[in-house]
Amino acid sequence: MNTHGSGAGWAVLDVPLTATARTIRCEARAFARREIEPRAAEIDAAGRFPDDLWPKLGQAGLLGLTVAPEYGGAGLGYLEHLVVMEEISRASTALGFSYLVHSHACVNQIALYGTQEQKRRLLPGLVNGSQVGGLAMTEPDAGSDVLGGMRTVAEPAGDGFRLSGRKAWIANAPRADVLVVYARTDPDLGSKGISAFVVNTRRPGVTLGPARASLGMRGCQVGDIAFDGCHLGTDDLLGGLNQGAAVLMEGLARERLVATGGALGLLQACLDVTLPYCCLREQFGKPIASFQLVQAKLADMLADLNASRSYAYAMAAVHGNGQGHSFDSTALLLFVAERASAAARQAVQLMGAAGFDAESTPSRLYRDASLFTLGFGTSEIRRIVVGRGLLSASQARHH
């Protein structure tokens, strides 16, 4: 039974967007339907994205949305980045995750904090898709407490630094050409003694481990990286010496905003696959969509998607105007990620044995959804961030 049809986009609230965002959304949607969606199952089964997709994303102008035109980018904002992330993830959440790490955690950070020389040297290849970017932050003993638990060090050595340590569960690691790496440069300063670096993975002293087997997001290869005395120059510093914590935390706040597009795409994909199925699947002599319990699940899915998309687009617009609070994007991802996870569970439930099948779309979506409540700070950490931020802002208003 063909349960994909033309999707259920027609049923969803048409949230107002700028003309530019609408245009880039249409372009990204056409690309995703043509190049990604037909290969989504293959990407999941193979555990990697096809080699030809990255250059194609570059040719489509989607890898450098927030990069200035002089470096090959589109010079757009985070709203446009979010809607592209949504459309790619609607077709393949795993590819969307790889795209996010490349285009935001690596490319956008270089565009924001890099020197002119770094931008000229690194951005063109990353933007045109001839190179793959990544972010090396998490370590075996540094996850939620990444600043406090970081053990990777960059010690002074001659005219630069000697980078040593291990990074773990790094998205795109097995295929990365360029990494944004965080390391301690002054252990005595605690979190204020961390710096960010841009590292070419072909340098001596860099070892990219094989891809790990993952519950979900299998098309986004995740692996470990070892740095064994890798020599870095001062021109590899990103954002200045001992400024890494600020670069990391500011980047994470923006990343959570764009990552929400991935959860939105997954939520939409859940409705895309379940609504046609429920209309076609017959039990007790009629389509299961005619049963009120099934209708209730579909209604919840639609309501959650409409609320989530409205929240996300409004948040992106506020961010683009330089307004809001530092914890707003964290609250947004907390909200949307949990609704995406709930929708994925209901997609499996609605399709029964067909959804439980390991090769089914609902099964893939269910596995992929787990990342959105774990990555970018777990749901528990997000609640702490929002709660502390809200309390701090309230206290500031009353003093």
Foldseek 3Di string as FASTA:
>chain_A
DDQQPPFDPVVADPADDDPVLVVLLVLLLVCLVVPFQVCQLVLQVVLADDLPVLLVCLVSQLQAACADVVLPHVNHALLSLQSSLLNNLLRHLLVSVQSLFLRFVFQVLCRVFNDPVSSNVPRNCSNSRVFGEWEFQAAPQADLNRQQRADWAWEDDVQFTFTFDKGFFIWQQVRHQKYWYKHAHDVVVRSLRIWIFIDGQVFPQKDGDFFDDALASSRGGTGMIGGDRGTDHPSGTTNDGSCHSVSVLLSLLSSLLSCLSSLLSLLSSLRSRQVSQQQPDDDPHHRNCVDPVLVVLSVLSSVLSNVLVNLSSVVRVCVVVVDDFSLSSLVSLLSSLVSSLVSLVVSLVSVDPQLVPCSHPSNNSNSSSVCSCRPSRHSVRSVVSVVVRVVVVVVVVVD
